[in-house]
Amino acid sequence: MAQRIDPELMEILVCPQSHARLIQVGDWLYSTDPATRRRYPIRDGIPIMLIDESEVVDEEEFRKATRQVQEQASNGENG
């Protein structure tokens, strides 16, 4: 199971490329910007916020990740 990033840290972290807020899905932080669709790895509990280390996901993967987070929020889950 993925380690949750501290909520206070999540408040200040943004995508280095688009400056959009981030959401955590498993061991990845996804940018909420649908134009860039970047995700950043979390390694040993540390977000790796380097564009060179990120991946661009396809639209389907982006929608799946954002939908998962929305469903968890509507169910009162933290992850």
PDB file of N, CA and C in Angstrom:
ATOM      1  N   MET A   1       0.841  -1.187   0.000  1.00  0.00           N
ATOM      2  CA  MET A   1       0.000   0.000   0.000  1.00  0.00           C
ATOM      3  C   MET A   1       0.877   1.238   0.000  1.00  0.00           C
ATOM      4  N   ALA A   2       0.474   2.232  -0.758  1.00  0.00           N
ATOM      5  CA  ALA A   2       1.263   3.449  -0.907  1.00  0.00           C
ATOM      6  C   ALA A   2       1.221   4.288   0.365  1.00  0.00           C
ATOM      7  N   GLN A   3       2.336   4.905   0.655  1.00  0.00           N
ATOM      8  CA  GLN A   3       2.411   5.803   1.803  1.00  0.00           C
ATOM      9  C   GLN A   3       1.795   7.140   1.418  1.00  0.00           C
ATOM     10  N   ARG A   4       0.871   7.636   2.240  1.00  0.00           N
ATOM     11  CA  ARG A   4       0.213   8.910   1.954  1.00  0.00           C
ATOM     12  C   ARG A   4       1.162  10.068   2.245  1.00  0.00           C
ATOM     13  N   ILE A   5       1.178  11.031   1.339  1.00  0.00           N
ATOM     14  CA  ILE A   5       1.970  12.244   1.544  1.00  0.00           C
ATOM     15  C   ILE A   5       1.233  13.121   2.551  1.00  0.00           C
ATOM     16  N   ASP A   6       1.964  13.747   3.446  1.00  0.00           N
ATOM     17  CA  ASP A   6       1.393  14.614   4.467  1.00  0.00           C
ATOM     18  C   ASP A   6       0.477  15.668   3.832  1.00  0.00           C
ATOM     19  N   PRO A   7      -0.739  15.825   4.342  1.00  0.00           N
ATOM     20  CA  PRO A   7      -1.679  16.800   3.770  1.00  0.00           C
ATOM     21  C   PRO A   7      -1.138  18.232   3.721  1.00  0.00           C
ATOM     22  N   GLU A   8      -0.329  18.612   4.720  1.00  0.00           N
ATOM     23  CA  GLU A   8       0.253  19.962   4.711  1.00  0.00           C
ATOM     24  C   GLU A   8       1.222  20.126   3.547  1.00  0.00           C
ATOM     25  N   LEU A   9       1.983  19.089   3.249  1.00  0.00           N
ATOM     26  CA  LEU A   9       2.895  19.137   2.113  1.00  0.00           C
ATOM     27  C   LEU A   9       2.109  19.192   0.805  1.00  0.00           C
ATOM     28  N   MET A  10       1.030  18.408   0.731  1.00  0.00           N
ATOM     29  CA  MET A  10       0.198  18.405  -0.480  1.00  0.00           C
ATOM     30  C   MET A  10      -0.406  19.780  -0.759  1.00  0.00           C
ATOM     31  N   GLU A  11      -0.628  20.557   0.298  1.00  0.00           N
ATOM     32  CA  GLU A  11      -1.180  21.910   0.134  1.00  0.00           C
ATOM     33  C   GLU A  11      -0.221  22.825  -0.630  1.00  0.00           C
ATOM     34  N   ILE A  12       1.082  22.591  -0.483  1.00  0.00           N
ATOM     35  CA  ILE A  12       2.047  23.498  -1.115  1.00  0.00           C
ATOM     36  C   ILE A  12       2.687  22.942  -2.386  1.00  0.00           C
ATOM     37  N   LEU A  13       2.621  21.625  -2.581  1.00  0.00           N
ATOM     38  CA  LEU A  13       3.206  21.040  -3.792  1.00  0.00           C
ATOM     39  C   LEU A  13       2.344  21.364  -5.013  1.00  0.00           C
ATOM     40  N   VAL A  14       3.004  21.714  -6.105  1.00  0.00           N
ATOM     41  CA  VAL A  14       2.328  21.937  -7.384  1.00  0.00           C
ATOM     42  C   VAL A  14       3.167  21.322  -8.493  1.00  0.00           C
ATOM     43  N   CYS A  15       2.545  21.127  -9.626  1.00  0.00           N
ATOM     44  CA  CYS A  15       3.260  20.627 -10.794  1.00  0.00           C
ATOM     45  C   CYS A  15       4.313  21.650 -11.204  1.00  0.00           C
ATOM     46  N   PRO A  16       5.560  21.243 -11.355  1.00  0.00           N
ATOM     47  CA  PRO A  16       6.607  22.184 -11.752  1.00  0.00           C
ATOM     48  C   PRO A  16       6.394  22.779 -13.145  1.00  0.00           C
ATOM     49  N   GLN A  17       5.678  22.078 -13.991  1.00  0.00           N
ATOM     50  CA  GLN A  17       5.455  22.569 -15.348  1.00  0.00           C
ATOM     51  C   GLN A  17       4.264  23.513 -15.430  1.00  0.00           C
ATOM     52  N   SER A  18       3.107  23.076 -14.920  1.00  0.00           N
ATOM     53  CA  SER A  18       1.878  23.858 -15.095  1.00  0.00           C
ATOM     54  C   SER A  18       1.482  24.648 -13.856  1.00  0.00           C
ATOM     55  N   HIS A  19       2.093  24.339 -12.718  1.00  0.00           N
ATOM     56  CA  HIS A  19       1.767  24.941 -11.425  1.00  0.00           C
ATOM     57  C   HIS A  19       0.369  24.570 -10.946  1.00  0.00           C
ATOM     58  N   ALA A  20      -0.197  23.491 -11.498  1.00  0.00           N
ATOM     59  CA  ALA A  20      -1.510  22.995 -11.067  1.00  0.00           C
ATOM     60  C   ALA A  20      -1.342  22.209  -9.772  1.00  0.00           C
ATOM     61  N   ARG A  21      -2.419  22.113  -9.008  1.00  0.00           N
ATOM     62  CA  ARG A  21      -2.359  21.317  -7.781  1.00  0.00           C
ATOM     63  C   ARG A  21      -2.201  19.847  -8.146  1.00  0.00           C
ATOM     64  N   LEU A  22      -1.813  19.050  -7.158  1.00  0.00           N
ATOM     65  CA  LEU A  22      -1.532  17.627  -7.363  1.00  0.00           C
ATOM     66  C   LEU A  22      -2.494  16.770  -6.562  1.00  0.00           C
ATOM     67  N   ILE A  23      -2.730  15.567  -7.060  1.00  0.00           N
ATOM     68  CA  ILE A  23      -3.505  14.570  -6.340  1.00  0.00           C
ATOM     69  C   ILE A  23      -2.672  13.296  -6.272  1.00  0.00           C
ATOM     70  N   GLN A  24      -2.812  12.566  -5.173  1.00  0.00           N
ATOM     71  CA  GLN A  24      -2.043  11.327  -5.023  1.00  0.00           C
ATOM     72  C   GLN A  24      -2.904  10.137  -5.382  1.00  0.00           C
ATOM     73  N   VAL A  25      -2.354   9.297  -6.252  1.00  0.00           N
ATOM     74  CA  VAL A  25      -2.966   8.016  -6.606  1.00  0.00           C
ATOM     75  C   VAL A  25      -1.854   6.973  -6.478  1.00  0.00           C
ATOM     76  N   GLY A  26      -1.948   6.162  -5.436  1.00  0.00           N
ATOM     77  CA  GLY A  26      -0.911   5.164  -5.212  1.00  0.00           C
ATOM     78  C   GLY A  26       0.439   5.822  -4.973  1.00  0.00           C
ATOM     79  N   ASP A  27       1.438   5.365  -5.709  1.00  0.00           N
ATOM     80  CA  ASP A  27       2.799   5.906  -5.578  1.00  0.00           C
ATOM     81  C   ASP A  27       3.091   6.987  -6.606  1.00  0.00           C
ATOM     82  N   TRP A  28       2.058   7.721  -7.004  1.00  0.00           N
ATOM     83  CA  TRP A  28       2.209   8.788  -7.992  1.00  0.00           C
ATOM     84  C   TRP A  28       1.465  10.048  -7.550  1.00  0.00           C
ATOM     85  N   LEU A  29       2.029  11.194  -7.907  1.00  0.00           N
ATOM     86  CA  LEU A  29       1.321  12.458  -7.773  1.00  0.00           C
ATOM     87  C   LEU A  29       0.968  12.919  -9.175  1.00  0.00           C
ATOM     88  N   TYR A  30      -0.327  13.091  -9.415  1.00  0.00           N
ATOM     89  CA  TYR A  30      -0.813  13.516 -10.730  1.00  0.00           C
ATOM     90  C   TYR A  30      -1.090  15.002 -10.720  1.00  0.00           C
ATOM     91  N   SER A  31      -0.640  15.700 -11.748  1.00  0.00           N
ATOM     92  CA  SER A  31      -1.032  17.085 -11.947  1.00  0.00           C
ATOM     93  C   SER A  31      -2.508  17.093 -12.314  1.00  0.00           C
ATOM     94  N   THR A  32      -3.239  18.078 -11.835  1.00  0.00           N
ATOM     95  CA  THR A  32      -4.659  18.183 -12.170  1.00  0.00           C
ATOM     96  C   THR A  32      -4.879  18.959 -13.472  1.00  0.00           C
ATOM     97  N   ASP A  33      -3.803  19.329 -14.136  1.00  0.00           N
ATOM     98  CA  ASP A  33      -3.902  20.058 -15.404  1.00  0.00           C
ATOM     99  C   ASP A  33      -4.134  19.082 -16.555  1.00  0.00           C
ATOM    100  N   PRO A  34      -5.330  19.117 -17.170  1.00  0.00           N
ATOM    101  CA  PRO A  34      -5.615  18.171 -18.258  1.00  0.00           C
ATOM    102  C   PRO A  34      -4.800  18.432 -19.528  1.00  0.00           C
ATOM    103  N   ALA A  35      -4.203  19.597 -19.638  1.00  0.00           N
ATOM    104  CA  ALA A  35      -3.392  19.892 -20.827  1.00  0.00           C
ATOM    105  C   ALA A  35      -2.039  19.183 -20.776  1.00  0.00           C
ATOM    106  N   THR A  36      -1.471  19.051 -19.576  1.00  0.00           N
ATOM    107  CA  THR A  36      -0.140  18.431 -19.470  1.00  0.00           C
ATOM    108  C   THR A  36      -0.204  16.966 -19.048  1.00  0.00           C
ATOM    109  N   ARG A  37      -1.161  16.595 -18.195  1.00  0.00           N
ATOM    110  CA  ARG A  37      -1.379  15.212 -17.759  1.00  0.00           C
ATOM    111  C   ARG A  37      -0.100  14.544 -17.234  1.00  0.00           C
ATOM    112  N   ARG A  38       0.687  15.265 -16.447  1.00  0.00           N
ATOM    113  CA  ARG A  38       1.922  14.691 -15.909  1.00  0.00           C
ATOM    114  C   ARG A  38       1.671  13.999 -14.586  1.00  0.00           C
ATOM    115  N   ARG A  39       2.480  12.959 -14.332  1.00  0.00           N
ATOM    116  CA  ARG A  39       2.483  12.327 -13.023  1.00  0.00           C
ATOM    117  C   ARG A  39       3.929  12.192 -12.570  1.00  0.00           C
ATOM    118  N   TYR A  40       4.104  12.344 -11.259  1.00  0.00           N
ATOM    119  CA  TYR A  40       5.428  12.362 -10.645  1.00  0.00           C
ATOM    120  C   TYR A  40       5.527  11.204  -9.651  1.00  0.00           C
ATOM    121  N   PRO A  41       6.634  10.482  -9.659  1.00  0.00           N
ATOM    122  CA  PRO A  41       6.763   9.322  -8.764  1.00  0.00           C
ATOM    123  C   PRO A  41       6.995   9.729  -7.311  1.00  0.00           C
ATOM    124  N   ILE A  42       6.582   8.829  -6.430  1.00  0.00           N
ATOM    125  CA  ILE A  42       6.902   8.931  -5.006  1.00  0.00           C
ATOM    126  C   ILE A  42       7.797   7.744  -4.708  1.00  0.00           C
ATOM    127  N   ARG A  43       9.012   8.032  -4.253  1.00  0.00           N
ATOM    128  CA  ARG A  43       9.979   6.962  -3.961  1.00  0.00           C
ATOM    129  C   ARG A  43      10.375   7.027  -2.491  1.00  0.00           C
ATOM    130  N   ASP A  44      10.182   5.934  -1.802  1.00  0.00           N
ATOM    131  CA  ASP A  44      10.496   5.862  -0.370  1.00  0.00           C
ATOM    132  C   ASP A  44       9.822   7.000   0.402  1.00  0.00           C
ATOM    133  N   GLY A  45       8.585   7.323   0.006  1.00  0.00           N
ATOM    134  CA  GLY A  45       7.821   8.365   0.683  1.00  0.00           C
ATOM    135  C   GLY A  45       8.186   9.787   0.291  1.00  0.00           C
ATOM    136  N   ILE A  46       9.070   9.940  -0.693  1.00  0.00           N
ATOM    137  CA  ILE A  46       9.526  11.275  -1.109  1.00  0.00           C
ATOM    138  C   ILE A  46       9.023  11.572  -2.518  1.00  0.00           C
ATOM    139  N   PRO A  47       8.254  12.666  -2.683  1.00  0.00           N
ATOM    140  CA  PRO A  47       7.808  13.044  -4.025  1.00  0.00           C
ATOM    141  C   PRO A  47       9.005  13.515  -4.863  1.00  0.00           C
ATOM    142  N   ILE A  48       9.131  12.970  -6.049  1.00  0.00           N
ATOM    143  CA  ILE A  48      10.213  13.369  -6.959  1.00  0.00           C
ATOM    144  C   ILE A  48       9.614  14.365  -7.956  1.00  0.00           C
ATOM    145  N   MET A  49       9.797  15.643  -7.658  1.00  0.00           N
ATOM    146  CA  MET A  49       9.125  16.699  -8.411  1.00  0.00           C
ATOM    147  C   MET A  49      10.025  17.277  -9.511  1.00  0.00           C
ATOM    148  N   LEU A  50      10.590  16.396 -10.308  1.00  0.00           N
ATOM    149  CA  LEU A  50      11.431  16.805 -11.432  1.00  0.00           C
ATOM    150  C   LEU A  50      10.715  16.454 -12.732  1.00  0.00           C
ATOM    151  N   ILE A  51      10.633  17.398 -13.636  1.00  0.00           N
ATOM    152  CA  ILE A  51       9.960  17.151 -14.909  1.00  0.00           C
ATOM    153  C   ILE A  51      10.605  15.978 -15.635  1.00  0.00           C
ATOM    154  N   ASP A  52      11.932  15.885 -15.566  1.00  0.00           N
ATOM    155  CA  ASP A  52      12.638  14.789 -16.241  1.00  0.00           C
ATOM    156  C   ASP A  52      12.282  13.412 -15.673  1.00  0.00           C
ATOM    157  N   GLU A  53      11.810  13.363 -14.442  1.00  0.00           N
ATOM    158  CA  GLU A  53      11.429  12.101 -13.809  1.00  0.00           C
ATOM    159  C   GLU A  53       9.935  11.807 -13.962  1.00  0.00           C
ATOM    160  N   SER A  54       9.191  12.763 -14.489  1.00  0.00           N
ATOM    161  CA  SER A  54       7.742  12.591 -14.612  1.00  0.00           C
ATOM    162  C   SER A  54       7.385  11.843 -15.893  1.00  0.00           C
ATOM    163  N   GLU A  55       6.131  11.447 -15.956  1.00  0.00           N
ATOM    164  CA  GLU A  55       5.599  10.795 -17.153  1.00  0.00           C
ATOM    165  C   GLU A  55       4.355  11.544 -17.596  1.00  0.00           C
ATOM    166  N   VAL A  56       4.117  11.565 -18.894  1.00  0.00           N
ATOM    167  CA  VAL A  56       2.871  12.091 -19.428  1.00  0.00           C
ATOM    168  C   VAL A  56       1.959  10.893 -19.662  1.00  0.00           C
ATOM    169  N   VAL A  57       0.774  10.932 -19.052  1.00  0.00           N
ATOM    170  CA  VAL A  57      -0.165   9.819 -19.203  1.00  0.00           C
ATOM    171  C   VAL A  57      -1.183  10.159 -20.289  1.00  0.00           C
ATOM    172  N   ASP A  58      -1.776   9.120 -20.861  1.00  0.00           N
ATOM    173  CA  ASP A  58      -2.791   9.365 -21.880  1.00  0.00           C
ATOM    174  C   ASP A  58      -4.076   9.873 -21.216  1.00  0.00           C
ATOM    175  N   GLU A  59      -5.002  10.357 -22.031  1.00  0.00           N
ATOM    176  CA  GLU A  59      -6.224  10.958 -21.499  1.00  0.00           C
ATOM    177  C   GLU A  59      -7.044   9.980 -20.670  1.00  0.00           C
ATOM    178  N   GLU A  60      -7.095   8.729 -21.086  1.00  0.00           N
ATOM    179  CA  GLU A  60      -7.866   7.729 -20.345  1.00  0.00           C
ATOM    180  C   GLU A  60      -7.293   7.518 -18.946  1.00  0.00           C
ATOM    181  N   GLU A  61      -5.976   7.378 -18.846  1.00  0.00           N
ATOM    182  CA  GLU A  61      -5.322   7.202 -17.546  1.00  0.00           C
ATOM    183  C   GLU A  61      -5.548   8.433 -16.666  1.00  0.00           C
ATOM    184  N   PHE A  62      -5.474   9.625 -17.251  1.00  0.00           N
ATOM    185  CA  PHE A  62      -5.686  10.862 -16.507  1.00  0.00           C
ATOM    186  C   PHE A  62      -7.106  10.902 -15.936  1.00  0.00           C
ATOM    187  N   ARG A  63      -8.090  10.585 -16.775  1.00  0.00           N
ATOM    188  CA  ARG A  63      -9.490  10.576 -16.317  1.00  0.00           C
ATOM    189  C   ARG A  63      -9.700   9.532 -15.215  1.00  0.00           C
ATOM    190  N   LYS A  64      -9.094   8.369 -15.380  1.00  0.00           N
ATOM    191  CA  LYS A  64      -9.218   7.299 -14.383  1.00  0.00           C
ATOM    192  C   LYS A  64      -8.671   7.759 -13.033  1.00  0.00           C
ATOM    193  N   ALA A  65      -7.500   8.388 -13.042  1.00  0.00           N
ATOM    194  CA  ALA A  65      -6.869   8.843 -11.799  1.00  0.00           C
ATOM    195  C   ALA A  65      -7.696   9.932 -11.121  1.00  0.00           C
ATOM    196  N   THR A  66      -8.152  10.898 -11.884  1.00  0.00           N
ATOM    197  CA  THR A  66      -8.935  11.974 -11.284  1.00  0.00           C
ATOM    198  C   THR A  66     -10.279  11.462 -10.784  1.00  0.00           C
ATOM    199  N   ARG A  67     -10.885  10.550 -11.508  1.00  0.00           N
ATOM    200  CA  ARG A  67     -12.165   9.969 -11.084  1.00  0.00           C
ATOM    201  C   ARG A  67     -11.985   9.188  -9.779  1.00  0.00           C
ATOM    202  N   GLN A  68     -10.891   8.433  -9.672  1.00  0.00           N
ATOM    203  CA  GLN A  68     -10.621   7.661  -8.455  1.00  0.00           C
ATOM    204  C   GLN A  68     -10.531   8.581  -7.243  1.00  0.00           C
ATOM    205  N   VAL A  69      -9.824   9.683  -7.379  1.00  0.00           N
ATOM    206  CA  VAL A  69      -9.669  10.614  -6.264  1.00  0.00           C
ATOM    207  C   VAL A  69     -11.013  11.266  -5.929  1.00  0.00           C
ATOM    208  N   GLN A  70     -11.793  11.613  -6.931  1.00  0.00           N
ATOM    209  CA  GLN A  70     -13.118  12.202  -6.687  1.00  0.00           C
ATOM    210  C   GLN A  70     -14.024  11.216  -5.958  1.00  0.00           C
ATOM    211  N   GLU A  71     -13.991   9.951  -6.354  1.00  0.00           N
ATOM    212  CA  GLU A  71     -14.812   8.936  -5.689  1.00  0.00           C
ATOM    213  C   GLU A  71     -14.389   8.731  -4.249  1.00  0.00           C
ATOM    214  N   GLN A  72     -13.087   8.723  -4.008  1.00  0.00           N
ATOM    215  CA  GLN A  72     -12.604   8.562  -2.641  1.00  0.00           C
ATOM    216  C   GLN A  72     -13.050   9.740  -1.782  1.00  0.00           C
ATOM    217  N   ALA A  73     -12.992  10.950  -2.335  1.00  0.00           N
ATOM    218  CA  ALA A  73     -13.411  12.138  -1.599  1.00  0.00           C
ATOM    219  C   ALA A  73     -14.909  12.091  -1.295  1.00  0.00           C
ATOM    220  N   SER A  74     -15.706  11.655  -2.250  1.00  0.00           N
ATOM    221  CA  SER A  74     -17.157  11.605  -2.030  1.00  0.00           C
ATOM    222  C   SER A  74     -17.539  10.508  -1.038  1.00  0.00           C
ATOM    223  N   ASN A  75     -16.676   9.497  -0.885  1.00  0.00           N
ATOM    224  CA  ASN A  75     -16.914   8.423   0.086  1.00  0.00           C
ATOM    225  C   ASN A  75     -16.284   8.723   1.448  1.00  0.00           C
ATOM    226  N   GLY A  76     -15.621   9.884   1.549  1.00  0.00           N
ATOM    227  CA  GLY A  76     -14.983  10.251   2.806  1.00  0.00           C
ATOM    228  C   GLY A  76     -13.686   9.528   3.067  1.00  0.00           C
ATOM    229  N   GLU A  77     -13.082   8.962   2.038  1.00  0.00           N
ATOM    230  CA  GLU A  77     -11.805   8.249   2.192  1.00  0.00           C
ATOM    231  C   GLU A  77     -10.654   9.214   1.999  1.00  0.00           C
ATOM    232  N   ASN A  78      -9.535   8.911   2.630  1.00  0.00           N
ATOM    233  CA  ASN A  78      -8.325   9.714   2.469  1.00  0.00           C
ATOM    234  C   ASN A  78      -7.349   9.075   1.508  1.00  0.00           C
ATOM    235  N   GLY A  79      -7.646   7.978   0.940  1.00  0.00           N
ATOM    236  CA  GLY A  79      -6.714   7.354   0.018  1.00  0.00           C
ATOM    237  C   GLY A  79      -6.731   5.949   0.122  1.00  0.00           C
TER     238      GLY A  79
END
